[in-house]
């Protein structure tokens, strides 16, 4: 078993997404990378 990468283009992201986390703790590098990637797909 392992991670499977899939494209984020299908189905397209149609709604804003967000994350809730403890403000005094930083996100993990993986979580931050995911949010940065998702931000690139959101309409401006």
PDB file of N, CA and C in Angstrom:
ATOM      1  N   UNK A   1       0.833  -1.182   0.000  1.00  0.00           N
ATOM      2  CA  UNK A   1       0.000   0.000   0.000  1.00  0.00           C
ATOM      3  C   UNK A   1       0.872   1.236   0.000  1.00  0.00           C
ATOM      4  N   UNK A   2       0.288   2.313  -0.476  1.00  0.00           N
ATOM      5  CA  UNK A   2       1.011   3.569  -0.496  1.00  0.00           C
ATOM      6  C   UNK A   2       0.116   4.671  -1.006  1.00  0.00           C
ATOM      7  N   UNK A   3       0.681   5.834  -1.145  1.00  0.00           N
ATOM      8  CA  UNK A   3      -0.074   6.982  -1.638  1.00  0.00           C
ATOM      9  C   UNK A   3      -0.294   6.853  -3.137  1.00  0.00           C
ATOM     10  N   UNK A   4      -1.432   7.331  -3.568  1.00  0.00           N
ATOM     11  CA  UNK A   4      -1.756   7.355  -4.989  1.00  0.00           C
ATOM     12  C   UNK A   4      -2.009   8.802  -5.374  1.00  0.00           C
ATOM     13  N   UNK A   5      -1.287   9.291  -6.342  1.00  0.00           N
ATOM     14  CA  UNK A   5      -1.463  10.669  -6.802  1.00  0.00           C
ATOM     15  C   UNK A   5      -2.512  10.703  -7.904  1.00  0.00           C
ATOM     16  N   UNK A   6      -3.446  11.636  -7.778  1.00  0.00           N
ATOM     17  CA  UNK A   6      -4.451  11.825  -8.818  1.00  0.00           C
ATOM     18  C   UNK A   6      -4.457  13.294  -9.202  1.00  0.00           C
ATOM     19  N   UNK A   7      -4.820  13.609 -10.432  1.00  0.00           N
ATOM     20  CA  UNK A   7      -4.856  15.011 -10.843  1.00  0.00           C
ATOM     21  C   UNK A   7      -5.976  15.760 -10.120  1.00  0.00           C
ATOM     22  N   UNK A   8      -5.739  17.030  -9.840  1.00  0.00           N
ATOM     23  CA  UNK A   8      -6.756  17.848  -9.182  1.00  0.00           C
ATOM     24  C   UNK A   8      -7.653  18.557 -10.185  1.00  0.00           C
ATOM     25  N   UNK A   9      -7.558  18.201 -11.442  1.00  0.00           N
ATOM     26  CA  UNK A   9      -8.337  18.896 -12.464  1.00  0.00           C
ATOM     27  C   UNK A   9      -9.656  18.205 -12.780  1.00  0.00           C
ATOM     28  N   UNK A  10      -9.855  16.983 -12.314  1.00  0.00           N
ATOM     29  CA  UNK A  10     -11.089  16.284 -12.641  1.00  0.00           C
ATOM     30  C   UNK A  10     -11.533  15.471 -11.447  1.00  0.00           C
ATOM     31  N   UNK A  11     -12.605  15.768 -10.801  1.00  0.00           N
ATOM     32  CA  UNK A  11     -13.534  16.840 -11.124  1.00  0.00           C
ATOM     33  C   UNK A  11     -12.968  18.192 -10.692  1.00  0.00           C
ATOM     34  N   UNK A  12     -13.404  19.250 -11.354  1.00  0.00           N
ATOM     35  CA  UNK A  12     -12.890  20.575 -10.999  1.00  0.00           C
ATOM     36  C   UNK A  12     -13.382  21.012  -9.619  1.00  0.00           C
ATOM     37  N   UNK A  13     -12.558  21.799  -8.950  1.00  0.00           N
ATOM     38  CA  UNK A  13     -12.950  22.360  -7.656  1.00  0.00           C
ATOM     39  C   UNK A  13     -13.913  23.502  -7.938  1.00  0.00           C
ATOM     40  N   UNK A  14     -15.127  23.406  -7.399  1.00  0.00           N
ATOM     41  CA  UNK A  14     -16.159  24.398  -7.677  1.00  0.00           C
ATOM     42  C   UNK A  14     -16.502  25.258  -6.475  1.00  0.00           C
ATOM     43  N   UNK A  15     -16.070  24.867  -5.294  1.00  0.00           N
ATOM     44  CA  UNK A  15     -16.407  25.608  -4.090  1.00  0.00           C
ATOM     45  C   UNK A  15     -15.135  25.908  -3.314  1.00  0.00           C
ATOM     46  N   UNK A  16     -15.188  26.960  -2.534  1.00  0.00           N
ATOM     47  CA  UNK A  16     -14.037  27.295  -1.690  1.00  0.00           C
ATOM     48  C   UNK A  16     -13.863  26.222  -0.623  1.00  0.00           C
ATOM     49  N   UNK A  17     -12.640  25.945  -0.321  1.00  0.00           N
ATOM     50  CA  UNK A  17     -12.313  24.974   0.719  1.00  0.00           C
ATOM     51  C   UNK A  17     -11.470  25.677   1.770  1.00  0.00           C
ATOM     52  N   UNK A  18     -11.449  25.139   2.940  1.00  0.00           N
ATOM     53  CA  UNK A  18     -10.667  25.746   4.003  1.00  0.00           C
ATOM     54  C   UNK A  18     -10.177  24.689   4.967  1.00  0.00           C
ATOM     55  N   UNK A  19      -9.448  25.135   5.943  1.00  0.00           N
ATOM     56  CA  UNK A  19      -8.920  24.220   6.948  1.00  0.00           C
ATOM     57  C   UNK A  19      -9.040  24.879   8.310  1.00  0.00           C
ATOM     58  N   UNK A  20      -9.369  24.091   9.286  1.00  0.00           N
ATOM     59  CA  UNK A  20      -9.437  24.560  10.670  1.00  0.00           C
ATOM     60  C   UNK A  20      -8.268  23.922  11.408  1.00  0.00           C
ATOM     61  N   UNK A  21      -7.522  24.750  12.102  1.00  0.00           N
ATOM     62  CA  UNK A  21      -6.395  24.219  12.874  1.00  0.00           C
ATOM     63  C   UNK A  21      -6.160  25.099  14.080  1.00  0.00           C
ATOM     64  N   UNK A  22      -5.438  24.573  15.032  1.00  0.00           N
ATOM     65  CA  UNK A  22      -5.093  25.342  16.223  1.00  0.00           C
ATOM     66  C   UNK A  22      -4.142  26.463  15.809  1.00  0.00           C
ATOM     67  N   UNK A  23      -4.541  27.686  16.034  1.00  0.00           N
ATOM     68  CA  UNK A  23      -3.757  28.836  15.589  1.00  0.00           C
ATOM     69  C   UNK A  23      -2.366  28.914  16.186  1.00  0.00           C
ATOM     70  N   UNK A  24      -2.181  28.313  17.342  1.00  0.00           N
ATOM     71  CA  UNK A  24      -0.863  28.382  17.985  1.00  0.00           C
ATOM     72  C   UNK A  24       0.080  27.287  17.502  1.00  0.00           C
ATOM     73  N   UNK A  25      -0.427  26.380  16.666  1.00  0.00           N
ATOM     74  CA  UNK A  25       0.414  25.317  16.116  1.00  0.00           C
ATOM     75  C   UNK A  25       0.479  25.451  14.599  1.00  0.00           C
ATOM     76  N   UNK A  26       1.662  25.341  14.027  1.00  0.00           N
ATOM     77  CA  UNK A  26       1.763  25.421  12.567  1.00  0.00           C
ATOM     78  C   UNK A  26       1.208  24.154  11.920  1.00  0.00           C
ATOM     79  N   UNK A  27       0.756  24.285  10.683  1.00  0.00           N
ATOM     80  CA  UNK A  27       0.335  23.116   9.923  1.00  0.00           C
ATOM     81  C   UNK A  27       1.550  22.253   9.607  1.00  0.00           C
ATOM     82  N   UNK A  28       1.317  20.979   9.405  1.00  0.00           N
ATOM     83  CA  UNK A  28       2.415  20.118   8.966  1.00  0.00           C
ATOM     84  C   UNK A  28       2.819  20.548   7.560  1.00  0.00           C
ATOM     85  N   UNK A  29       4.003  20.164   7.141  1.00  0.00           N
ATOM     86  CA  UNK A  29       4.454  20.516   5.792  1.00  0.00           C
ATOM     87  C   UNK A  29       3.521  19.933   4.741  1.00  0.00           C
ATOM     88  N   UNK A  30       3.015  18.728   4.984  1.00  0.00           N
ATOM     89  CA  UNK A  30       2.102  18.097   4.027  1.00  0.00           C
ATOM     90  C   UNK A  30       0.779  18.857   3.947  1.00  0.00           C
ATOM     91  N   UNK A  31       0.235  19.244   5.096  1.00  0.00           N
ATOM     92  CA  UNK A  31      -1.024  19.991   5.107  1.00  0.00           C
ATOM     93  C   UNK A  31      -0.850  21.352   4.445  1.00  0.00           C
ATOM     94  N   UNK A  32       0.250  22.029   4.715  1.00  0.00           N
ATOM     95  CA  UNK A  32       0.493  23.334   4.105  1.00  0.00           C
ATOM     96  C   UNK A  32       0.657  23.204   2.599  1.00  0.00           C
ATOM     97  N   UNK A  33       1.351  22.167   2.150  1.00  0.00           N
ATOM     98  CA  UNK A  33       1.529  21.943   0.714  1.00  0.00           C
ATOM     99  C   UNK A  33       0.188  21.676   0.041  1.00  0.00           C
ATOM    100  N   UNK A  34      -0.688  20.911   0.702  1.00  0.00           N
ATOM    101  CA  UNK A  34      -2.011  20.647   0.138  1.00  0.00           C
ATOM    102  C   UNK A  34      -2.806  21.935   0.012  1.00  0.00           C
ATOM    103  N   UNK A  35      -2.808  22.762   1.051  1.00  0.00           N
ATOM    104  CA  UNK A  35      -3.545  24.024   0.979  1.00  0.00           C
ATOM    105  C   UNK A  35      -2.977  24.939  -0.094  1.00  0.00           C
ATOM    106  N   UNK A  36      -1.666  25.004  -0.216  1.00  0.00           N
ATOM    107  CA  UNK A  36      -1.049  25.834  -1.251  1.00  0.00           C
ATOM    108  C   UNK A  36      -1.448  25.350  -2.639  1.00  0.00           C
ATOM    109  N   UNK A  37      -1.501  24.031  -2.811  1.00  0.00           N
ATOM    110  CA  UNK A  37      -1.907  23.467  -4.100  1.00  0.00           C
ATOM    111  C   UNK A  37      -3.359  23.797  -4.395  1.00  0.00           C
ATOM    112  N   UNK A  38      -4.226  23.631  -3.408  1.00  0.00           N
ATOM    113  CA  UNK A  38      -5.644  23.916  -3.612  1.00  0.00           C
ATOM    114  C   UNK A  38      -5.883  25.386  -3.920  1.00  0.00           C
ATOM    115  N   UNK A  39      -5.134  26.276  -3.277  1.00  0.00           N
ATOM    116  CA  UNK A  39      -5.291  27.708  -3.531  1.00  0.00           C
ATOM    117  C   UNK A  39      -5.028  28.044  -4.987  1.00  0.00           C
ATOM    118  N   UNK A  40      -4.142  27.307  -5.631  1.00  0.00           N
ATOM    119  CA  UNK A  40      -3.832  27.547  -7.033  1.00  0.00           C
ATOM    120  C   UNK A  40      -4.976  27.203  -7.969  1.00  0.00           C
ATOM    121  N   UNK A  41      -5.947  26.421  -7.503  1.00  0.00           N
ATOM    122  CA  UNK A  41      -7.068  26.011  -8.337  1.00  0.00           C
ATOM    123  C   UNK A  41      -8.326  26.826  -8.088  1.00  0.00           C
ATOM    124  N   UNK A  42      -8.329  27.658  -7.045  1.00  0.00           N
ATOM    125  CA  UNK A  42      -9.528  28.427  -6.727  1.00  0.00           C
ATOM    126  C   UNK A  42      -9.659  29.628  -7.652  1.00  0.00           C
ATOM    127  N   UNK A  43     -10.894  29.958  -8.035  1.00  0.00           N
ATOM    128  CA  UNK A  43     -11.084  31.147  -8.876  1.00  0.00           C
ATOM    129  C   UNK A  43     -10.759  32.413  -8.090  1.00  0.00           C
ATOM    130  N   UNK A  44     -10.262  33.410  -8.783  1.00  0.00           N
ATOM    131  CA  UNK A  44      -9.910  34.665  -8.099  1.00  0.00           C
ATOM    132  C   UNK A  44     -11.006  35.680  -8.237  1.00  0.00           C
TER     133      UNK A  44
END
